[in-house]
Amino acid sequence: MIPILFFCLGASLGSFMGVIWDRFPENSIIWPPSHCDNCKHSLKAQQLIPIFSVLMTGFKCAFCKQRVSPVYSLIELVMGLIFWCAQQHLFLSWIDVYMISISILLSLYDMKTQSYPFIIWIFSFMILLPFYEWNLLVFFFLLIALLCTIWPAVIGNGDLLYLASIALVYDLKMTLWIIQIASILGLAFCLVQKKRKIPFLPFLSLTLLVLLCLKH
């Protein structure tokens, strides 16, 4: 029963993350209540249940039958599984869960606009500060991020700020592995898709998740 509760807790957090991604910073995440983007009809309580509500309606709005994006349900499913793994002591610790949650949220923004709200990163970073000591790599990434704000570079300053968070929590070896593997994946994606500019944060986040699973 407890594992199911943790899965539901993770899925609910994933649902809230979807709301943040969809609305913030342009709109309030509190008001108006959850509704269909097409017909604007407010959702009932049973239509707010993560994952199951869209499965029951076939990924369509219960009112106007407009197709509902599966992305939100995927976020809920992934977060539910992550919480379940942590509760079962499989692969992930709770700090890993925190870092993955932030990584997913920032990656969603990066995929949509190739940027993310600075306030989300700084808030998540400030939460970590009382529990971890600063190191030279953290200072390095923050300094380079500042310089990239003044002089644009190939890598965005948002990626560097994210790497500062990674360097604060994980050791040098882990951080370097994340950068190297994510760079290879990103380069391969560029070659296959024939794109010159891509969101890099999703590759960093995916690499973090895979390495954490392999590490434990």
N, C-alpha and C. Protein backbone atom coordinates (compact mmCIF):
# COMPACT_ATOMS: atom_id res chain seq x y z
N MET A 1 0.83 -1.21 0.00
CA MET A 1 0.00 0.00 0.00
C MET A 1 0.86 1.26 0.00
N ILE A 2 1.92 1.26 0.83
CA ILE A 2 2.80 2.43 0.91
C ILE A 2 3.46 2.75 -0.42
N PRO A 3 4.00 1.73 -1.15
CA PRO A 3 4.57 2.03 -2.47
C PRO A 3 3.58 2.69 -3.41
N ILE A 4 2.31 2.26 -3.35
CA ILE A 4 1.29 2.86 -4.21
C ILE A 4 1.07 4.33 -3.83
N LEU A 5 1.07 4.60 -2.52
CA LEU A 5 0.90 5.97 -2.06
C LEU A 5 2.03 6.86 -2.55
N PHE A 6 3.26 6.34 -2.51
CA PHE A 6 4.40 7.12 -2.97
C PHE A 6 4.33 7.33 -4.48
N PHE A 7 3.87 6.33 -5.21
CA PHE A 7 3.69 6.50 -6.66
C PHE A 7 2.68 7.62 -6.93
N CYS A 8 1.57 7.60 -6.19
CA CYS A 8 0.54 8.62 -6.37
C CYS A 8 1.07 10.01 -5.99
N LEU A 9 1.90 10.05 -4.94
CA LEU A 9 2.49 11.32 -4.53
C LEU A 9 3.39 11.87 -5.64
N GLY A 10 4.22 10.99 -6.21
CA GLY A 10 5.09 11.41 -7.30
C GLY A 10 4.30 11.85 -8.52
N ALA A 11 3.25 11.11 -8.85
CA ALA A 11 2.41 11.46 -10.00
C ALA A 11 1.72 12.80 -9.78
N SER A 12 1.30 13.06 -8.54
CA SER A 12 0.67 14.35 -8.23
C SER A 12 1.66 15.49 -8.36
N LEU A 13 2.90 15.25 -7.91
CA LEU A 13 3.94 16.27 -8.08
C LEU A 13 4.20 16.50 -9.56
N GLY A 14 4.22 15.42 -10.33
CA GLY A 14 4.39 15.54 -11.77
C GLY A 14 3.29 16.36 -12.41
N SER A 15 2.07 16.18 -11.93
CA SER A 15 0.93 16.96 -12.43
C SER A 15 1.13 18.44 -12.14
N PHE A 16 1.60 18.73 -10.93
CA PHE A 16 1.85 20.13 -10.55
C PHE A 16 2.99 20.72 -11.38
N MET A 17 4.01 19.92 -11.65
CA MET A 17 5.11 20.37 -12.49
C MET A 17 4.61 20.72 -13.89
N GLY A 18 3.66 19.92 -14.38
CA GLY A 18 3.07 20.21 -15.68
C GLY A 18 2.33 21.54 -15.70
N VAL A 19 1.66 21.85 -14.60
CA VAL A 19 0.95 23.12 -14.48
C VAL A 19 1.94 24.28 -14.48
N ILE A 20 3.03 24.13 -13.72
CA ILE A 20 4.06 25.18 -13.68
C ILE A 20 4.61 25.41 -15.08
N TRP A 21 4.97 24.32 -15.75
CA TRP A 21 5.54 24.42 -17.10
C TRP A 21 4.57 25.08 -18.08
N ASP A 22 3.31 24.76 -17.96
CA ASP A 22 2.30 25.27 -18.89
C ASP A 22 1.98 26.74 -18.64
N ARG A 23 2.03 27.18 -17.38
CA ARG A 23 1.53 28.52 -17.06
C ARG A 23 2.61 29.54 -16.68
N PHE A 24 3.61 29.09 -15.96
CA PHE A 24 4.58 30.03 -15.38
C PHE A 24 5.68 30.36 -16.39
N PRO A 25 6.16 31.60 -16.50
CA PRO A 25 5.84 32.76 -15.65
C PRO A 25 4.76 33.68 -16.21
N GLU A 26 4.21 33.34 -17.38
CA GLU A 26 3.24 34.25 -18.02
C GLU A 26 1.94 34.37 -17.24
N ASN A 27 1.51 33.28 -16.61
CA ASN A 27 0.22 33.26 -15.92
C ASN A 27 0.36 32.68 -14.52
N SER A 28 -0.70 32.83 -13.74
CA SER A 28 -0.73 32.30 -12.38
C SER A 28 -0.87 30.78 -12.41
N ILE A 29 -0.16 30.11 -11.50
CA ILE A 29 -0.29 28.65 -11.41
C ILE A 29 -1.44 28.25 -10.49
N ILE A 30 -2.09 29.25 -9.89
CA ILE A 30 -3.19 28.98 -8.96
C ILE A 30 -4.55 29.26 -9.59
N TRP A 31 -4.63 30.35 -10.35
CA TRP A 31 -5.91 30.76 -10.93
C TRP A 31 -5.73 31.08 -12.41
N PRO A 32 -6.66 30.72 -13.27
CA PRO A 32 -7.90 29.99 -12.99
C PRO A 32 -7.64 28.51 -12.72
N PRO A 33 -8.67 27.79 -12.22
CA PRO A 33 -8.51 26.36 -11.96
C PRO A 33 -8.19 25.60 -13.25
N SER A 34 -7.74 24.38 -13.11
CA SER A 34 -7.39 23.56 -14.28
C SER A 34 -8.58 23.46 -15.22
N HIS A 35 -8.30 23.62 -16.51
CA HIS A 35 -9.37 23.63 -17.50
C HIS A 35 -8.84 23.13 -18.83
N CYS A 36 -9.74 22.86 -19.74
CA CYS A 36 -9.37 22.47 -21.10
C CYS A 36 -8.91 23.72 -21.86
N ASP A 37 -7.74 23.65 -22.48
CA ASP A 37 -7.23 24.81 -23.21
C ASP A 37 -8.07 25.14 -24.43
N ASN A 38 -8.82 24.16 -24.92
CA ASN A 38 -9.62 24.38 -26.12
C ASN A 38 -11.00 24.98 -25.81
N CYS A 39 -11.76 24.32 -24.94
CA CYS A 39 -13.12 24.79 -24.65
C CYS A 39 -13.21 25.61 -23.37
N LYS A 40 -12.10 25.67 -22.60
CA LYS A 40 -12.01 26.47 -21.37
C LYS A 40 -12.92 25.96 -20.25
N HIS A 41 -13.46 24.76 -20.39
CA HIS A 41 -14.34 24.19 -19.37
C HIS A 41 -13.50 23.73 -18.18
N SER A 42 -13.87 24.16 -16.98
CA SER A 42 -13.15 23.75 -15.77
C SER A 42 -13.29 22.26 -15.55
N LEU A 43 -12.20 21.64 -15.13
CA LEU A 43 -12.20 20.19 -14.92
C LEU A 43 -12.80 19.85 -13.56
N LYS A 44 -13.52 18.74 -13.52
CA LYS A 44 -14.08 18.25 -12.26
C LYS A 44 -13.01 17.48 -11.49
N ALA A 45 -13.31 17.19 -10.22
CA ALA A 45 -12.34 16.54 -9.35
C ALA A 45 -11.84 15.21 -9.93
N GLN A 46 -12.74 14.41 -10.47
CA GLN A 46 -12.35 13.11 -11.00
C GLN A 46 -11.52 13.23 -12.28
N GLN A 47 -11.56 14.41 -12.89
CA GLN A 47 -10.78 14.63 -14.11
C GLN A 47 -9.39 15.18 -13.81
N LEU A 48 -9.08 15.33 -12.53
CA LEU A 48 -7.77 15.83 -12.11
C LEU A 48 -6.87 14.72 -11.59
N ILE A 49 -7.36 13.49 -11.58
CA ILE A 49 -6.56 12.36 -11.08
C ILE A 49 -5.43 12.10 -12.07
N PRO A 50 -4.18 12.16 -11.62
CA PRO A 50 -3.05 11.96 -12.53
C PRO A 50 -3.13 10.61 -13.26
N ILE A 51 -2.80 10.61 -14.51
CA ILE A 51 -2.69 9.45 -15.40
C ILE A 51 -4.06 8.83 -15.70
N PHE A 52 -4.77 8.41 -14.68
CA PHE A 52 -6.00 7.64 -14.87
C PHE A 52 -7.11 8.45 -15.53
N SER A 53 -7.18 9.74 -15.23
CA SER A 53 -8.28 10.55 -15.78
C SER A 53 -8.20 10.62 -17.30
N VAL A 54 -6.99 10.78 -17.86
CA VAL A 54 -6.88 10.85 -19.32
C VAL A 54 -7.02 9.47 -19.96
N LEU A 55 -6.63 8.44 -19.23
CA LEU A 55 -6.82 7.08 -19.75
C LEU A 55 -8.31 6.77 -19.89
N MET A 56 -9.09 7.23 -18.93
CA MET A 56 -10.53 6.97 -18.95
C MET A 56 -11.22 7.71 -20.11
N THR A 57 -10.66 8.85 -20.52
CA THR A 57 -11.28 9.62 -21.60
C THR A 57 -10.57 9.41 -22.94
N GLY A 58 -9.60 8.51 -22.97
CA GLY A 58 -8.89 8.23 -24.22
C GLY A 58 -8.04 9.39 -24.69
N PHE A 59 -7.44 10.12 -23.74
CA PHE A 59 -6.60 11.28 -24.05
C PHE A 59 -7.37 12.34 -24.83
N LYS A 60 -8.64 12.52 -24.44
CA LYS A 60 -9.47 13.55 -25.04
C LYS A 60 -10.18 14.32 -23.94
N CYS A 61 -10.50 15.57 -24.22
CA CYS A 61 -11.28 16.37 -23.28
C CYS A 61 -12.65 15.73 -23.11
N ALA A 62 -13.11 15.61 -21.88
CA ALA A 62 -14.40 14.98 -21.61
C ALA A 62 -15.56 15.84 -22.11
N PHE A 63 -15.30 17.10 -22.42
CA PHE A 63 -16.38 18.01 -22.82
C PHE A 63 -16.38 18.28 -24.33
N CYS A 64 -15.24 18.66 -24.88
CA CYS A 64 -15.21 19.03 -26.30
C CYS A 64 -14.55 17.97 -27.18
N LYS A 65 -14.00 16.92 -26.55
CA LYS A 65 -13.36 15.80 -27.25
C LYS A 65 -12.07 16.19 -27.98
N GLN A 66 -11.53 17.36 -27.63
CA GLN A 66 -10.25 17.77 -28.21
C GLN A 66 -9.14 16.86 -27.67
N ARG A 67 -8.20 16.53 -28.54
CA ARG A 67 -7.10 15.65 -28.15
C ARG A 67 -6.24 16.31 -27.07
N VAL A 68 -5.91 15.55 -26.03
CA VAL A 68 -5.09 16.04 -24.92
C VAL A 68 -3.66 15.54 -25.12
N SER A 69 -2.70 16.42 -24.97
CA SER A 69 -1.30 16.04 -25.14
C SER A 69 -0.91 14.98 -24.12
N PRO A 70 -0.22 13.92 -24.55
CA PRO A 70 0.21 12.87 -23.63
C PRO A 70 1.42 13.27 -22.79
N VAL A 71 2.00 14.44 -23.08
CA VAL A 71 3.21 14.87 -22.38
C VAL A 71 2.96 14.97 -20.88
N TYR A 72 1.82 15.54 -20.50
CA TYR A 72 1.52 15.73 -19.08
C TYR A 72 1.40 14.39 -18.36
N SER A 73 0.76 13.44 -18.98
CA SER A 73 0.63 12.11 -18.37
C SER A 73 1.98 11.41 -18.29
N LEU A 74 2.84 11.66 -19.27
CA LEU A 74 4.18 11.08 -19.25
C LEU A 74 4.99 11.63 -18.09
N ILE A 75 4.86 12.94 -17.85
CA ILE A 75 5.53 13.56 -16.70
C ILE A 75 5.04 12.92 -15.41
N GLU A 76 3.73 12.75 -15.29
CA GLU A 76 3.14 12.14 -14.08
C GLU A 76 3.63 10.71 -13.89
N LEU A 77 3.68 9.95 -14.98
CA LEU A 77 4.12 8.56 -14.90
C LEU A 77 5.59 8.47 -14.48
N VAL A 78 6.43 9.29 -15.10
CA VAL A 78 7.86 9.28 -14.77
C VAL A 78 8.08 9.67 -13.32
N MET A 79 7.41 10.72 -12.86
CA MET A 79 7.58 11.16 -11.48
C MET A 79 7.04 10.12 -10.50
N GLY A 80 5.94 9.47 -10.86
CA GLY A 80 5.42 8.40 -10.01
C GLY A 80 6.41 7.26 -9.87
N LEU A 81 7.02 6.86 -10.97
CA LEU A 81 8.01 5.78 -10.95
C LEU A 81 9.26 6.19 -10.17
N ILE A 82 9.66 7.44 -10.30
CA ILE A 82 10.84 7.93 -9.58
C ILE A 82 10.60 7.88 -8.08
N PHE A 83 9.44 8.34 -7.63
CA PHE A 83 9.12 8.29 -6.20
C PHE A 83 9.02 6.84 -5.72
N TRP A 84 8.45 5.98 -6.54
CA TRP A 84 8.34 4.57 -6.17
C TRP A 84 9.72 3.95 -6.02
N CYS A 85 10.62 4.25 -6.93
CA CYS A 85 11.99 3.71 -6.86
C CYS A 85 12.70 4.18 -5.59
N ALA A 86 12.52 5.46 -5.26
CA ALA A 86 13.17 6.00 -4.06
C ALA A 86 12.62 5.35 -2.80
N GLN A 87 11.31 5.17 -2.75
CA GLN A 87 10.68 4.54 -1.59
C GLN A 87 11.12 3.09 -1.43
N GLN A 88 11.35 2.42 -2.55
CA GLN A 88 11.78 1.03 -2.54
C GLN A 88 13.30 0.89 -2.44
N HIS A 89 13.99 2.03 -2.34
CA HIS A 89 15.46 2.04 -2.29
C HIS A 89 16.06 1.40 -3.53
N LEU A 90 15.43 1.64 -4.67
CA LEU A 90 15.93 1.14 -5.94
C LEU A 90 16.56 2.30 -6.72
N PHE A 91 17.85 2.25 -6.90
CA PHE A 91 18.58 3.19 -7.75
C PHE A 91 18.73 4.59 -7.16
N LEU A 92 17.65 5.15 -6.60
CA LEU A 92 17.63 6.58 -6.30
C LEU A 92 17.50 6.88 -4.82
N SER A 93 18.23 7.91 -4.37
CA SER A 93 18.04 8.47 -3.04
C SER A 93 17.08 9.66 -3.17
N TRP A 94 16.69 10.24 -2.04
CA TRP A 94 15.72 11.34 -2.11
C TRP A 94 16.35 12.61 -2.66
N ILE A 95 17.65 12.81 -2.44
CA ILE A 95 18.30 13.97 -3.07
C ILE A 95 18.36 13.77 -4.58
N ASP A 96 18.52 12.52 -5.01
CA ASP A 96 18.47 12.23 -6.44
C ASP A 96 17.09 12.57 -7.01
N VAL A 97 16.06 12.24 -6.25
CA VAL A 97 14.69 12.54 -6.67
C VAL A 97 14.51 14.05 -6.84
N TYR A 98 15.04 14.80 -5.88
CA TYR A 98 14.95 16.26 -5.95
C TYR A 98 15.65 16.79 -7.20
N MET A 99 16.86 16.31 -7.44
CA MET A 99 17.63 16.79 -8.59
C MET A 99 16.97 16.39 -9.91
N ILE A 100 16.44 15.19 -9.97
CA ILE A 100 15.76 14.74 -11.20
C ILE A 100 14.49 15.55 -11.44
N SER A 101 13.76 15.84 -10.38
CA SER A 101 12.53 16.63 -10.51
C SER A 101 12.84 18.01 -11.08
N ILE A 102 13.85 18.67 -10.53
CA ILE A 102 14.25 19.98 -11.03
C ILE A 102 14.75 19.86 -12.47
N SER A 103 15.50 18.80 -12.74
CA SER A 103 16.03 18.59 -14.09
C SER A 103 14.91 18.44 -15.11
N ILE A 104 13.90 17.67 -14.76
CA ILE A 104 12.77 17.47 -15.68
C ILE A 104 12.05 18.78 -15.95
N LEU A 105 11.79 19.54 -14.89
CA LEU A 105 11.07 20.80 -15.05
C LEU A 105 11.85 21.78 -15.92
N LEU A 106 13.14 21.93 -15.65
CA LEU A 106 13.96 22.84 -16.45
C LEU A 106 14.08 22.36 -17.89
N SER A 107 14.15 21.05 -18.06
CA SER A 107 14.26 20.48 -19.41
C SER A 107 13.00 20.74 -20.23
N LEU A 108 11.85 20.67 -19.58
CA LEU A 108 10.59 20.95 -20.28
C LEU A 108 10.57 22.37 -20.83
N TYR A 109 11.01 23.31 -19.99
CA TYR A 109 11.11 24.69 -20.45
C TYR A 109 12.11 24.81 -21.60
N ASP A 110 13.25 24.14 -21.45
CA ASP A 110 14.30 24.23 -22.47
C ASP A 110 13.82 23.70 -23.81
N MET A 111 13.05 22.62 -23.78
CA MET A 111 12.53 22.06 -25.03
C MET A 111 11.51 22.98 -25.69
N LYS A 112 10.80 23.76 -24.87
CA LYS A 112 9.76 24.63 -25.42
C LYS A 112 10.32 25.95 -25.92
N THR A 113 11.25 26.55 -25.17
CA THR A 113 11.73 27.89 -25.52
C THR A 113 13.25 28.01 -25.54
N GLN A 114 13.96 26.92 -25.26
CA GLN A 114 15.43 26.93 -25.15
C GLN A 114 15.88 27.95 -24.10
N SER A 115 15.11 28.04 -23.05
CA SER A 115 15.44 28.86 -21.87
C SER A 115 14.51 28.42 -20.75
N TYR A 116 14.77 28.91 -19.55
CA TYR A 116 13.87 28.61 -18.44
C TYR A 116 13.86 29.80 -17.49
N PRO A 117 12.80 29.94 -16.67
CA PRO A 117 12.74 31.06 -15.73
C PRO A 117 13.87 30.98 -14.71
N PHE A 118 14.64 32.04 -14.61
CA PHE A 118 15.78 32.08 -13.70
C PHE A 118 15.34 31.82 -12.26
N ILE A 119 14.15 32.30 -11.90
CA ILE A 119 13.69 32.18 -10.52
C ILE A 119 13.53 30.72 -10.11
N ILE A 120 13.18 29.84 -11.05
CA ILE A 120 13.04 28.42 -10.72
C ILE A 120 14.40 27.84 -10.38
N TRP A 121 15.41 28.18 -11.18
CA TRP A 121 16.75 27.66 -10.89
C TRP A 121 17.29 28.21 -9.58
N ILE A 122 17.21 29.51 -9.37
CA ILE A 122 17.79 30.11 -8.16
C ILE A 122 17.10 29.59 -6.90
N PHE A 123 15.79 29.38 -6.97
CA PHE A 123 15.06 28.85 -5.82
C PHE A 123 15.52 27.43 -5.51
N SER A 124 15.65 26.60 -6.55
CA SER A 124 16.09 25.22 -6.34
C SER A 124 17.53 25.17 -5.84
N PHE A 125 18.36 26.11 -6.32
CA PHE A 125 19.77 26.17 -5.91
C PHE A 125 19.88 26.60 -4.45
N MET A 126 19.08 27.58 -4.05
CA MET A 126 19.12 28.08 -2.67
C MET A 126 18.72 26.99 -1.67
N ILE A 127 17.81 26.12 -2.06
CA ILE A 127 17.39 25.03 -1.18
C ILE A 127 18.57 24.09 -0.90
N LEU A 128 19.45 23.92 -1.89
CA LEU A 128 20.58 23.01 -1.74
C LEU A 128 21.70 23.58 -0.87
N LEU A 129 21.83 24.89 -0.84
CA LEU A 129 22.99 25.53 -0.22
C LEU A 129 23.24 25.13 1.24
N PRO A 130 22.21 25.02 2.10
CA PRO A 130 22.50 24.67 3.50
C PRO A 130 23.06 23.25 3.68
N PHE A 131 22.94 22.41 2.67
CA PHE A 131 23.31 21.00 2.82
C PHE A 131 24.60 20.61 2.12
N TYR A 132 25.13 21.51 1.30
CA TYR A 132 26.33 21.16 0.53
C TYR A 132 27.34 22.30 0.58
N GLU A 133 28.61 21.93 0.56
CA GLU A 133 29.67 22.93 0.55
C GLU A 133 30.01 23.33 -0.89
N TRP A 134 30.28 24.60 -1.04
CA TRP A 134 30.69 25.09 -2.36
C TRP A 134 32.06 24.52 -2.72
N ASN A 135 32.28 24.34 -4.00
CA ASN A 135 33.60 23.91 -4.47
C ASN A 135 33.99 24.74 -5.68
N LEU A 136 35.21 24.56 -6.14
CA LEU A 136 35.72 25.38 -7.24
C LEU A 136 34.92 25.19 -8.52
N LEU A 137 34.42 23.99 -8.73
CA LEU A 137 33.67 23.72 -9.96
C LEU A 137 32.35 24.50 -9.98
N VAL A 138 31.72 24.63 -8.83
CA VAL A 138 30.49 25.42 -8.74
C VAL A 138 30.78 26.87 -9.10
N PHE A 139 31.85 27.43 -8.51
CA PHE A 139 32.24 28.80 -8.83
C PHE A 139 32.57 28.95 -10.31
N PHE A 140 33.23 27.94 -10.87
CA PHE A 140 33.61 27.98 -12.28
C PHE A 140 32.38 28.08 -13.18
N PHE A 141 31.40 27.21 -12.94
CA PHE A 141 30.20 27.22 -13.77
C PHE A 141 29.42 28.52 -13.61
N LEU A 142 29.35 29.04 -12.39
CA LEU A 142 28.64 30.29 -12.16
C LEU A 142 29.34 31.45 -12.85
N LEU A 143 30.67 31.45 -12.81
CA LEU A 143 31.44 32.51 -13.46
C LEU A 143 31.27 32.46 -14.98
N ILE A 144 31.37 31.26 -15.55
CA ILE A 144 31.20 31.12 -16.99
C ILE A 144 29.78 31.49 -17.41
N ALA A 145 28.80 31.14 -16.57
CA ALA A 145 27.41 31.52 -16.87
C ALA A 145 27.26 33.03 -16.92
N LEU A 146 27.93 33.72 -15.98
CA LEU A 146 27.89 35.18 -15.97
C LEU A 146 28.54 35.75 -17.22
N LEU A 147 29.68 35.20 -17.60
CA LEU A 147 30.38 35.67 -18.79
C LEU A 147 29.56 35.42 -20.06
N CYS A 148 28.85 34.27 -20.09
CA CYS A 148 28.02 33.95 -21.26
C CYS A 148 26.81 34.87 -21.37
N THR A 149 26.43 35.47 -20.24
CA THR A 149 25.36 36.45 -20.28
C THR A 149 25.82 37.72 -21.00
N ILE A 150 27.11 38.02 -20.83
CA ILE A 150 27.69 39.22 -21.46
C ILE A 150 28.12 38.93 -22.89
N TRP A 151 28.81 37.79 -23.05
CA TRP A 151 29.28 37.38 -24.37
C TRP A 151 28.68 36.03 -24.71
N PRO A 152 27.65 36.00 -25.56
CA PRO A 152 26.98 34.74 -25.91
C PRO A 152 27.96 33.70 -26.43
N ALA A 153 27.76 32.45 -26.00
CA ALA A 153 28.64 31.35 -26.41
C ALA A 153 27.79 30.22 -26.99
N VAL A 154 28.47 29.14 -27.36
CA VAL A 154 27.77 27.99 -27.93
C VAL A 154 26.80 27.39 -26.93
N ILE A 155 27.26 27.24 -25.69
CA ILE A 155 26.41 26.69 -24.63
C ILE A 155 25.71 27.84 -23.91
N GLY A 156 24.45 27.65 -23.59
CA GLY A 156 23.69 28.71 -22.94
C GLY A 156 24.04 28.85 -21.47
N ASN A 157 23.82 30.05 -20.92
CA ASN A 157 24.13 30.25 -19.50
C ASN A 157 23.18 29.45 -18.61
N GLY A 158 21.98 29.12 -19.12
CA GLY A 158 21.07 28.28 -18.35
C GLY A 158 21.62 26.88 -18.13
N ASP A 159 22.29 26.34 -19.15
CA ASP A 159 22.93 25.03 -19.01
C ASP A 159 24.04 25.07 -17.97
N LEU A 160 24.78 26.18 -17.95
CA LEU A 160 25.89 26.33 -17.01
C LEU A 160 25.38 26.49 -15.58
N LEU A 161 24.29 27.21 -15.41
CA LEU A 161 23.70 27.33 -14.07
C LEU A 161 23.23 25.97 -13.57
N TYR A 162 22.63 25.21 -14.47
CA TYR A 162 22.20 23.85 -14.11
C TYR A 162 23.40 23.00 -13.71
N LEU A 163 24.50 23.11 -14.45
CA LEU A 163 25.70 22.34 -14.13
C LEU A 163 26.30 22.78 -12.79
N ALA A 164 26.10 24.04 -12.42
CA ALA A 164 26.54 24.49 -11.10
C ALA A 164 25.79 23.74 -10.00
N SER A 165 24.50 23.52 -10.21
CA SER A 165 23.71 22.73 -9.25
C SER A 165 24.20 21.29 -9.19
N ILE A 166 24.50 20.72 -10.36
CA ILE A 166 25.02 19.36 -10.42
C ILE A 166 26.35 19.26 -9.68
N ALA A 167 27.23 20.23 -9.92
CA ALA A 167 28.55 20.21 -9.28
C ALA A 167 28.47 20.41 -7.78
N LEU A 168 27.42 21.08 -7.32
CA LEU A 168 27.24 21.28 -5.89
C LEU A 168 26.86 19.98 -5.18
N VAL A 169 26.06 19.16 -5.84
CA VAL A 169 25.53 17.94 -5.22
C VAL A 169 26.42 16.72 -5.48
N TYR A 170 26.92 16.61 -6.70
CA TYR A 170 27.67 15.41 -7.08
C TYR A 170 29.16 15.72 -7.23
N ASP A 171 29.97 14.68 -7.20
CA ASP A 171 31.42 14.89 -7.24
C ASP A 171 31.91 15.22 -8.65
N LEU A 172 33.20 15.52 -8.74
CA LEU A 172 33.80 15.94 -10.00
C LEU A 172 33.66 14.87 -11.08
N LYS A 173 33.91 13.63 -10.71
CA LYS A 173 33.84 12.53 -11.68
C LYS A 173 32.44 12.41 -12.28
N MET A 174 31.44 12.46 -11.43
CA MET A 174 30.05 12.36 -11.89
C MET A 174 29.70 13.53 -12.81
N THR A 175 30.11 14.72 -12.41
CA THR A 175 29.81 15.91 -13.21
C THR A 175 30.44 15.84 -14.59
N LEU A 176 31.69 15.41 -14.65
CA LEU A 176 32.39 15.30 -15.93
C LEU A 176 31.77 14.23 -16.82
N TRP A 177 31.36 13.13 -16.22
CA TRP A 177 30.69 12.08 -17.00
C TRP A 177 29.39 12.60 -17.60
N ILE A 178 28.65 13.35 -16.81
CA ILE A 178 27.38 13.92 -17.29
C ILE A 178 27.63 14.82 -18.49
N ILE A 179 28.63 15.69 -18.39
CA ILE A 179 28.93 16.62 -19.48
C ILE A 179 29.37 15.87 -20.73
N GLN A 180 30.25 14.90 -20.57
CA GLN A 180 30.78 14.18 -21.73
C GLN A 180 29.70 13.37 -22.45
N ILE A 181 28.95 12.59 -21.69
CA ILE A 181 27.93 11.74 -22.32
C ILE A 181 26.82 12.58 -22.93
N ALA A 182 26.39 13.63 -22.22
CA ALA A 182 25.35 14.51 -22.75
C ALA A 182 25.81 15.20 -24.03
N SER A 183 27.08 15.57 -24.07
CA SER A 183 27.63 16.22 -25.27
C SER A 183 27.62 15.27 -26.46
N ILE A 184 27.98 14.03 -26.22
CA ILE A 184 27.97 13.03 -27.30
C ILE A 184 26.55 12.80 -27.81
N LEU A 185 25.61 12.67 -26.87
CA LEU A 185 24.21 12.48 -27.26
C LEU A 185 23.67 13.69 -28.02
N GLY A 186 24.00 14.88 -27.53
CA GLY A 186 23.54 16.09 -28.19
C GLY A 186 24.12 16.24 -29.59
N LEU A 187 25.41 15.92 -29.73
CA LEU A 187 26.05 15.99 -31.04
C LEU A 187 25.43 14.99 -32.01
N ALA A 188 25.18 13.78 -31.52
CA ALA A 188 24.55 12.76 -32.37
C ALA A 188 23.16 13.21 -32.81
N PHE A 189 22.43 13.82 -31.90
CA PHE A 189 21.08 14.32 -32.23
C PHE A 189 21.17 15.41 -33.30
N CYS A 190 22.15 16.30 -33.16
CA CYS A 190 22.33 17.37 -34.15
C CYS A 190 22.61 16.80 -35.53
N LEU A 191 23.46 15.78 -35.58
CA LEU A 191 23.82 15.18 -36.87
C LEU A 191 22.64 14.47 -37.51
N VAL A 192 21.87 13.76 -36.69
CA VAL A 192 20.72 13.02 -37.22
C VAL A 192 19.62 13.98 -37.67
N GLN A 193 19.34 14.97 -36.84
CA GLN A 193 18.26 15.91 -37.15
C GLN A 193 18.70 17.07 -38.03
N LYS A 194 20.02 17.16 -38.26
CA LYS A 194 20.59 18.24 -39.08
C LYS A 194 20.20 19.61 -38.54
N LYS A 195 20.39 19.76 -37.23
CA LYS A 195 20.10 21.04 -36.59
C LYS A 195 21.38 21.63 -36.02
N ARG A 196 21.46 22.96 -36.04
CA ARG A 196 22.64 23.65 -35.52
C ARG A 196 22.45 24.07 -34.07
N LYS A 197 21.19 24.18 -33.65
CA LYS A 197 20.91 24.62 -32.29
C LYS A 197 19.85 23.73 -31.67
N ILE A 198 20.15 23.18 -30.51
CA ILE A 198 19.21 22.27 -29.84
C ILE A 198 19.15 22.61 -28.35
N PRO A 199 18.07 22.24 -27.67
CA PRO A 199 18.04 22.35 -26.21
C PRO A 199 18.97 21.29 -25.60
N PHE A 200 19.94 21.72 -24.83
CA PHE A 200 20.96 20.80 -24.30
C PHE A 200 20.57 20.21 -22.95
N LEU A 201 19.74 20.92 -22.22
CA LEU A 201 19.39 20.47 -20.86
C LEU A 201 18.73 19.10 -20.82
N PRO A 202 17.85 18.76 -21.77
CA PRO A 202 17.27 17.41 -21.75
C PRO A 202 18.32 16.31 -21.82
N PHE A 203 19.41 16.54 -22.55
CA PHE A 203 20.46 15.53 -22.65
C PHE A 203 21.24 15.44 -21.33
N LEU A 204 21.46 16.58 -20.69
CA LEU A 204 22.11 16.57 -19.37
C LEU A 204 21.23 15.83 -18.36
N SER A 205 19.94 16.09 -18.39
CA SER A 205 19.01 15.46 -17.45
C SER A 205 18.90 13.96 -17.67
N LEU A 206 18.80 13.57 -18.93
CA LEU A 206 18.71 12.15 -19.26
C LEU A 206 19.97 11.42 -18.82
N THR A 207 21.12 12.03 -19.06
CA THR A 207 22.39 11.43 -18.65
C THR A 207 22.46 11.29 -17.13
N LEU A 208 22.01 12.32 -16.42
CA LEU A 208 21.99 12.26 -14.95
C LEU A 208 21.15 11.09 -14.48
N LEU A 209 19.96 10.93 -15.03
CA LEU A 209 19.06 9.85 -14.62
C LEU A 209 19.69 8.48 -14.88
N VAL A 210 20.26 8.31 -16.06
CA VAL A 210 20.86 7.01 -16.42
C VAL A 210 22.05 6.70 -15.52
N LEU A 211 22.91 7.68 -15.29
CA LEU A 211 24.09 7.44 -14.45
C LEU A 211 23.71 7.15 -13.00
N LEU A 212 22.67 7.81 -12.51
CA LEU A 212 22.22 7.54 -11.14
C LEU A 212 21.69 6.12 -11.01
N CYS A 213 20.97 5.67 -12.02
CA CYS A 213 20.45 4.29 -12.00
C CYS A 213 21.59 3.28 -12.06
N LEU A 214 22.60 3.56 -12.88
CA LEU A 214 23.73 2.65 -13.00
C LEU A 214 24.62 2.69 -11.76
N LYS A 215 24.69 3.87 -11.15
CA LYS A 215 25.55 4.06 -9.98
C LYS A 215 25.09 3.23 -8.80
N HIS A 216 23.78 3.15 -8.62
CA HIS A 216 23.23 2.43 -7.47
C HIS A 216 22.98 0.97 -7.81
